[in-house]
Amino acid sequence: MELTVLGHTVRHAIEHVEVFPAPAHVSLVRFTTDELASMCPVTQQPDLARVVIEYQPDRHCIESKSLKLYLWGFRDRAVFAEALAAEIAAEVMQTAAPHRVRVELTQRPRGGIEVQAVAELP
């Protein structure tokens, strides 16, 4: 469990978040960003979203710079909002192994429709 991006200049997206030992008595961690970019799988137009990632840590916490670089990788990917929320939740669960994770993604309106997707894992 070595942190490879924190403290280093990294100019590219990464495939997985990095973790560090969870401090005692931390019961909830929440990350929020309004800058999640991806592409529509049908039109290839850019989609922008707000994402809230909330998890209850067990033994590990997610390092925030690695999360930023992980999310950066979606900017050139064609993915529906629902699949994006599910993929982020799965990454948190697989890498940090928390007690639970909840990802709430709100895609900015395009064509007048806002999309909200929630993915939760135990």
N, C-alpha and C. Protein backbone atom coordinates (compact mmCIF):
# COMPACT_ATOMS: atom_id res chain seq x y z
N MET A 1 0.85 -1.17 0.00
CA MET A 1 0.00 0.00 0.00
C MET A 1 0.90 1.24 0.00
N GLU A 2 1.44 1.51 -1.14
CA GLU A 2 2.34 2.66 -1.30
C GLU A 2 1.64 3.75 -2.08
N LEU A 3 1.74 4.99 -1.59
CA LEU A 3 1.17 6.12 -2.30
C LEU A 3 2.15 6.56 -3.38
N THR A 4 1.72 6.52 -4.62
CA THR A 4 2.63 6.82 -5.73
C THR A 4 2.38 8.18 -6.38
N VAL A 5 1.21 8.78 -6.15
CA VAL A 5 0.93 10.06 -6.81
C VAL A 5 1.04 11.26 -5.88
N LEU A 6 0.75 11.07 -4.59
CA LEU A 6 0.83 12.17 -3.64
C LEU A 6 2.27 12.64 -3.52
N GLY A 7 2.48 13.94 -3.68
CA GLY A 7 3.83 14.49 -3.59
C GLY A 7 4.62 14.41 -4.88
N HIS A 8 3.98 13.91 -5.95
CA HIS A 8 4.65 13.80 -7.25
C HIS A 8 3.85 14.54 -8.30
N THR A 9 4.52 15.00 -9.33
CA THR A 9 3.85 15.61 -10.46
C THR A 9 3.31 14.49 -11.35
N VAL A 10 2.01 14.46 -11.52
CA VAL A 10 1.37 13.46 -12.37
C VAL A 10 0.49 14.22 -13.35
N ARG A 11 0.71 14.00 -14.62
CA ARG A 11 -0.01 14.74 -15.66
C ARG A 11 -0.87 13.82 -16.52
N HIS A 12 -1.39 12.77 -15.90
CA HIS A 12 -2.23 11.83 -16.64
C HIS A 12 -3.22 11.19 -15.67
N ALA A 13 -4.27 10.65 -16.22
CA ALA A 13 -5.25 9.94 -15.41
C ALA A 13 -4.65 8.62 -14.93
N ILE A 14 -5.20 8.10 -13.83
CA ILE A 14 -4.76 6.80 -13.32
C ILE A 14 -5.96 5.86 -13.28
N GLU A 15 -5.69 4.56 -13.26
CA GLU A 15 -6.77 3.57 -13.36
C GLU A 15 -7.43 3.23 -12.04
N HIS A 16 -6.74 3.41 -10.92
CA HIS A 16 -7.30 3.05 -9.62
C HIS A 16 -6.92 4.09 -8.58
N VAL A 17 -7.80 4.27 -7.61
CA VAL A 17 -7.48 5.17 -6.50
C VAL A 17 -6.46 4.50 -5.59
N GLU A 18 -5.78 5.33 -4.82
CA GLU A 18 -4.82 4.81 -3.85
C GLU A 18 -5.40 5.00 -2.45
N VAL A 19 -4.94 4.19 -1.51
CA VAL A 19 -5.48 4.22 -0.16
C VAL A 19 -4.36 4.33 0.87
N PHE A 20 -4.76 4.74 2.06
CA PHE A 20 -3.84 4.80 3.20
C PHE A 20 -4.59 4.26 4.42
N PRO A 21 -3.89 3.89 5.48
CA PRO A 21 -4.57 3.35 6.67
C PRO A 21 -5.57 4.35 7.25
N ALA A 22 -6.74 3.87 7.54
CA ALA A 22 -7.79 4.74 8.10
C ALA A 22 -7.46 5.09 9.54
N PRO A 23 -7.55 6.37 9.87
CA PRO A 23 -7.37 6.77 11.27
C PRO A 23 -8.50 6.22 12.14
N ALA A 24 -8.22 6.02 13.39
CA ALA A 24 -9.24 5.54 14.33
C ALA A 24 -10.37 6.58 14.43
N HIS A 25 -11.57 6.09 14.61
CA HIS A 25 -12.75 6.90 14.90
C HIS A 25 -13.26 7.74 13.72
N VAL A 26 -12.81 7.47 12.52
CA VAL A 26 -13.37 8.15 11.34
C VAL A 26 -14.53 7.28 10.86
N SER A 27 -15.74 7.82 10.94
CA SER A 27 -16.91 7.02 10.63
C SER A 27 -17.51 7.31 9.25
N LEU A 28 -17.10 8.43 8.64
CA LEU A 28 -17.66 8.78 7.34
C LEU A 28 -16.67 9.68 6.59
N VAL A 29 -16.51 9.41 5.31
CA VAL A 29 -15.69 10.26 4.44
C VAL A 29 -16.56 10.64 3.25
N ARG A 30 -16.53 11.92 2.88
CA ARG A 30 -17.33 12.40 1.74
C ARG A 30 -16.46 13.25 0.83
N PHE A 31 -16.46 12.91 -0.44
CA PHE A 31 -15.80 13.71 -1.47
C PHE A 31 -16.88 14.29 -2.36
N THR A 32 -16.71 15.55 -2.77
CA THR A 32 -17.68 16.20 -3.65
C THR A 32 -16.93 16.98 -4.72
N THR A 33 -17.39 16.85 -5.96
CA THR A 33 -16.84 17.66 -7.04
C THR A 33 -17.94 17.98 -8.05
N ASP A 34 -17.83 19.17 -8.63
CA ASP A 34 -18.73 19.60 -9.69
C ASP A 34 -18.06 19.48 -11.06
N GLU A 35 -16.91 18.85 -11.11
CA GLU A 35 -16.09 18.87 -12.32
C GLU A 35 -15.88 17.50 -12.95
N LEU A 36 -16.82 16.58 -12.79
CA LEU A 36 -16.67 15.27 -13.42
C LEU A 36 -17.12 15.35 -14.87
N ALA A 37 -16.21 15.04 -15.77
CA ALA A 37 -16.52 15.10 -17.20
C ALA A 37 -16.46 13.71 -17.81
N SER A 38 -17.38 13.45 -18.72
CA SER A 38 -17.38 12.21 -19.51
C SER A 38 -18.00 12.56 -20.86
N MET A 39 -18.27 11.54 -21.66
CA MET A 39 -18.89 11.77 -22.97
C MET A 39 -20.15 10.93 -23.10
N CYS A 40 -21.10 11.44 -23.83
CA CYS A 40 -22.31 10.68 -24.13
C CYS A 40 -21.92 9.53 -25.06
N PRO A 41 -22.33 8.30 -24.73
CA PRO A 41 -21.96 7.17 -25.57
C PRO A 41 -22.62 7.17 -26.95
N VAL A 42 -23.68 7.96 -27.11
CA VAL A 42 -24.38 7.99 -28.39
C VAL A 42 -23.90 9.15 -29.26
N THR A 43 -23.87 10.36 -28.70
CA THR A 43 -23.55 11.55 -29.49
C THR A 43 -22.09 11.98 -29.40
N GLN A 44 -21.37 11.43 -28.42
CA GLN A 44 -19.98 11.81 -28.15
C GLN A 44 -19.85 13.25 -27.64
N GLN A 45 -20.97 13.89 -27.29
CA GLN A 45 -20.93 15.22 -26.72
C GLN A 45 -20.46 15.14 -25.27
N PRO A 46 -19.83 16.20 -24.78
CA PRO A 46 -19.37 16.18 -23.39
C PRO A 46 -20.53 16.22 -22.40
N ASP A 47 -20.40 15.46 -21.33
CA ASP A 47 -21.34 15.50 -20.22
C ASP A 47 -20.58 15.96 -18.99
N LEU A 48 -21.18 16.85 -18.22
CA LEU A 48 -20.58 17.35 -16.99
C LEU A 48 -21.49 16.97 -15.83
N ALA A 49 -20.88 16.59 -14.72
CA ALA A 49 -21.68 16.12 -13.60
C ALA A 49 -21.08 16.54 -12.27
N ARG A 50 -21.95 16.56 -11.28
CA ARG A 50 -21.55 16.70 -9.88
C ARG A 50 -21.59 15.29 -9.31
N VAL A 51 -20.58 14.94 -8.54
CA VAL A 51 -20.57 13.62 -7.92
C VAL A 51 -20.24 13.77 -6.43
N VAL A 52 -20.98 13.03 -5.63
CA VAL A 52 -20.73 12.95 -4.19
C VAL A 52 -20.43 11.49 -3.89
N ILE A 53 -19.23 11.25 -3.37
CA ILE A 53 -18.81 9.90 -3.00
C ILE A 53 -18.73 9.87 -1.48
N GLU A 54 -19.50 8.98 -0.89
CA GLU A 54 -19.56 8.89 0.56
C GLU A 54 -19.32 7.44 0.95
N TYR A 55 -18.39 7.23 1.89
CA TYR A 55 -18.14 5.86 2.32
C TYR A 55 -17.83 5.81 3.80
N GLN A 56 -18.08 4.64 4.37
CA GLN A 56 -17.77 4.37 5.76
C GLN A 56 -16.53 3.49 5.78
N PRO A 57 -15.37 4.07 6.12
CA PRO A 57 -14.12 3.32 6.02
C PRO A 57 -14.06 2.15 7.00
N ASP A 58 -13.32 1.15 6.58
CA ASP A 58 -12.99 0.03 7.45
C ASP A 58 -11.52 0.20 7.84
N ARG A 59 -10.62 -0.37 7.03
CA ARG A 59 -9.19 -0.27 7.33
C ARG A 59 -8.47 0.77 6.47
N HIS A 60 -9.11 1.24 5.39
CA HIS A 60 -8.43 2.15 4.47
C HIS A 60 -9.27 3.37 4.13
N CYS A 61 -8.59 4.46 3.83
CA CYS A 61 -9.22 5.67 3.29
C CYS A 61 -8.63 5.95 1.92
N ILE A 62 -9.40 6.63 1.10
CA ILE A 62 -8.96 6.98 -0.25
C ILE A 62 -8.16 8.28 -0.20
N GLU A 63 -7.04 8.28 -0.86
CA GLU A 63 -6.19 9.48 -0.96
C GLU A 63 -6.81 10.38 -2.04
N SER A 64 -7.05 11.65 -1.71
CA SER A 64 -7.85 12.52 -2.57
C SER A 64 -7.20 12.88 -3.91
N LYS A 65 -5.88 13.04 -3.96
CA LYS A 65 -5.25 13.36 -5.24
C LYS A 65 -5.42 12.19 -6.21
N SER A 66 -5.29 10.98 -5.71
CA SER A 66 -5.47 9.82 -6.58
C SER A 66 -6.91 9.73 -7.07
N LEU A 67 -7.87 10.13 -6.22
CA LEU A 67 -9.27 10.14 -6.65
C LEU A 67 -9.46 11.14 -7.78
N LYS A 68 -8.88 12.32 -7.63
CA LYS A 68 -8.97 13.33 -8.69
C LYS A 68 -8.42 12.79 -10.01
N LEU A 69 -7.27 12.14 -9.96
CA LEU A 69 -6.65 11.60 -11.17
C LEU A 69 -7.44 10.42 -11.73
N TYR A 70 -8.06 9.64 -10.87
CA TYR A 70 -8.93 8.55 -11.32
C TYR A 70 -10.15 9.11 -12.05
N LEU A 71 -10.80 10.11 -11.44
CA LEU A 71 -11.98 10.70 -12.08
C LEU A 71 -11.64 11.40 -13.39
N TRP A 72 -10.44 11.93 -13.48
CA TRP A 72 -9.98 12.58 -14.70
C TRP A 72 -10.04 11.61 -15.89
N GLY A 73 -9.84 10.35 -15.64
CA GLY A 73 -9.84 9.34 -16.71
C GLY A 73 -11.16 9.19 -17.43
N PHE A 74 -12.24 9.70 -16.87
CA PHE A 74 -13.55 9.57 -17.51
C PHE A 74 -13.80 10.63 -18.57
N ARG A 75 -12.96 11.65 -18.63
CA ARG A 75 -13.23 12.77 -19.54
C ARG A 75 -13.26 12.36 -21.01
N ASP A 76 -12.56 11.32 -21.36
CA ASP A 76 -12.53 10.87 -22.76
C ASP A 76 -13.28 9.55 -22.94
N ARG A 77 -14.07 9.17 -21.94
CA ARG A 77 -14.80 7.90 -22.00
C ARG A 77 -16.26 8.13 -22.27
N ALA A 78 -16.81 7.32 -23.14
CA ALA A 78 -18.23 7.36 -23.44
C ALA A 78 -18.95 6.43 -22.48
N VAL A 79 -19.76 7.03 -21.58
CA VAL A 79 -20.42 6.24 -20.55
C VAL A 79 -21.70 6.95 -20.10
N PHE A 80 -22.75 6.19 -19.90
CA PHE A 80 -23.99 6.75 -19.37
C PHE A 80 -23.81 7.08 -17.89
N ALA A 81 -24.56 8.06 -17.40
CA ALA A 81 -24.45 8.52 -16.02
C ALA A 81 -24.67 7.38 -15.03
N GLU A 82 -25.62 6.52 -15.29
CA GLU A 82 -25.92 5.42 -14.37
C GLU A 82 -24.74 4.45 -14.27
N ALA A 83 -24.15 4.14 -15.40
CA ALA A 83 -22.99 3.23 -15.41
C ALA A 83 -21.78 3.89 -14.76
N LEU A 84 -21.66 5.19 -14.91
CA LEU A 84 -20.55 5.93 -14.30
C LEU A 84 -20.65 5.89 -12.78
N ALA A 85 -21.84 6.12 -12.24
CA ALA A 85 -22.03 6.05 -10.79
C ALA A 85 -21.71 4.65 -10.28
N ALA A 86 -22.17 3.64 -10.98
CA ALA A 86 -21.92 2.25 -10.56
C ALA A 86 -20.43 1.91 -10.62
N GLU A 87 -19.74 2.38 -11.65
CA GLU A 87 -18.31 2.09 -11.79
C GLU A 87 -17.48 2.74 -10.69
N ILE A 88 -17.82 3.97 -10.35
CA ILE A 88 -17.10 4.67 -9.28
C ILE A 88 -17.33 3.96 -7.94
N ALA A 89 -18.57 3.57 -7.67
CA ALA A 89 -18.87 2.85 -6.43
C ALA A 89 -18.10 1.54 -6.36
N ALA A 90 -18.03 0.83 -7.47
CA ALA A 90 -17.30 -0.44 -7.51
C ALA A 90 -15.80 -0.23 -7.28
N GLU A 91 -15.25 0.85 -7.82
CA GLU A 91 -13.82 1.15 -7.61
C GLU A 91 -13.54 1.42 -6.13
N VAL A 92 -14.39 2.21 -5.49
CA VAL A 92 -14.21 2.49 -4.07
C VAL A 92 -14.30 1.20 -3.27
N MET A 93 -15.29 0.38 -3.56
CA MET A 93 -15.48 -0.86 -2.82
C MET A 93 -14.30 -1.82 -3.03
N GLN A 94 -13.85 -1.94 -4.25
CA GLN A 94 -12.75 -2.86 -4.56
C GLN A 94 -11.43 -2.38 -3.96
N THR A 95 -11.14 -1.10 -4.04
CA THR A 95 -9.84 -0.59 -3.64
C THR A 95 -9.75 -0.30 -2.15
N ALA A 96 -10.76 0.36 -1.59
CA ALA A 96 -10.70 0.76 -0.18
C ALA A 96 -11.41 -0.23 0.75
N ALA A 97 -12.26 -1.09 0.19
CA ALA A 97 -13.00 -2.09 0.96
C ALA A 97 -13.71 -1.48 2.19
N PRO A 98 -14.52 -0.43 1.98
CA PRO A 98 -15.23 0.17 3.11
C PRO A 98 -16.41 -0.71 3.54
N HIS A 99 -17.02 -0.34 4.66
CA HIS A 99 -18.23 -1.04 5.11
C HIS A 99 -19.37 -0.79 4.13
N ARG A 100 -19.42 0.42 3.62
CA ARG A 100 -20.44 0.76 2.62
C ARG A 100 -19.95 1.94 1.80
N VAL A 101 -20.53 2.10 0.61
CA VAL A 101 -20.22 3.24 -0.25
C VAL A 101 -21.50 3.68 -0.94
N ARG A 102 -21.62 4.98 -1.11
CA ARG A 102 -22.75 5.56 -1.84
C ARG A 102 -22.19 6.62 -2.78
N VAL A 103 -22.54 6.51 -4.05
CA VAL A 103 -22.13 7.49 -5.06
C VAL A 103 -23.39 8.10 -5.65
N GLU A 104 -23.49 9.42 -5.53
CA GLU A 104 -24.62 10.14 -6.11
C GLU A 104 -24.09 11.03 -7.22
N LEU A 105 -24.54 10.79 -8.42
CA LEU A 105 -24.08 11.53 -9.59
C LEU A 105 -25.24 12.31 -10.17
N THR A 106 -25.05 13.61 -10.38
CA THR A 106 -26.06 14.45 -10.99
C THR A 106 -25.48 15.06 -12.25
N GLN A 107 -25.97 14.59 -13.38
CA GLN A 107 -25.48 15.07 -14.67
C GLN A 107 -26.19 16.38 -15.01
N ARG A 108 -25.41 17.37 -15.41
CA ARG A 108 -25.99 18.67 -15.76
C ARG A 108 -26.96 18.51 -16.93
N PRO A 109 -27.99 19.36 -16.94
CA PRO A 109 -29.00 19.22 -17.99
C PRO A 109 -28.43 19.43 -19.39
N ARG A 110 -28.88 18.58 -20.26
CA ARG A 110 -28.64 18.73 -21.69
C ARG A 110 -29.97 18.38 -22.34
N GLY A 111 -30.48 19.27 -23.15
CA GLY A 111 -31.82 19.06 -23.69
C GLY A 111 -32.89 19.24 -22.63
N GLY A 112 -32.55 19.94 -21.55
CA GLY A 112 -33.52 20.24 -20.50
C GLY A 112 -33.70 19.13 -19.47
N ILE A 113 -32.95 18.03 -19.58
CA ILE A 113 -33.13 16.91 -18.67
C ILE A 113 -31.89 16.72 -17.80
N GLU A 114 -32.12 16.75 -16.49
CA GLU A 114 -31.05 16.44 -15.54
C GLU A 114 -31.16 14.97 -15.17
N VAL A 115 -30.04 14.28 -15.11
CA VAL A 115 -30.02 12.87 -14.74
C VAL A 115 -29.37 12.74 -13.37
N GLN A 116 -30.04 12.02 -12.49
CA GLN A 116 -29.47 11.70 -11.19
C GLN A 116 -29.42 10.18 -11.06
N ALA A 117 -28.24 9.69 -10.66
CA ALA A 117 -28.06 8.25 -10.48
C ALA A 117 -27.37 8.02 -9.14
N VAL A 118 -27.84 7.03 -8.41
CA VAL A 118 -27.25 6.68 -7.13
C VAL A 118 -26.85 5.21 -7.19
N ALA A 119 -25.60 4.93 -6.81
CA ALA A 119 -25.11 3.56 -6.71
C ALA A 119 -24.66 3.33 -5.28
N GLU A 120 -25.13 2.23 -4.67
CA GLU A 120 -24.76 1.91 -3.30
C GLU A 120 -24.31 0.46 -3.22
N LEU A 121 -23.27 0.24 -2.45
CA LEU A 121 -22.80 -1.12 -2.18
C LEU A 121 -22.69 -1.27 -0.67
N PRO A 122 -22.98 -2.47 -0.16
CA PRO A 122 -23.05 -2.66 1.30
C PRO A 122 -21.83 -2.28 2.03
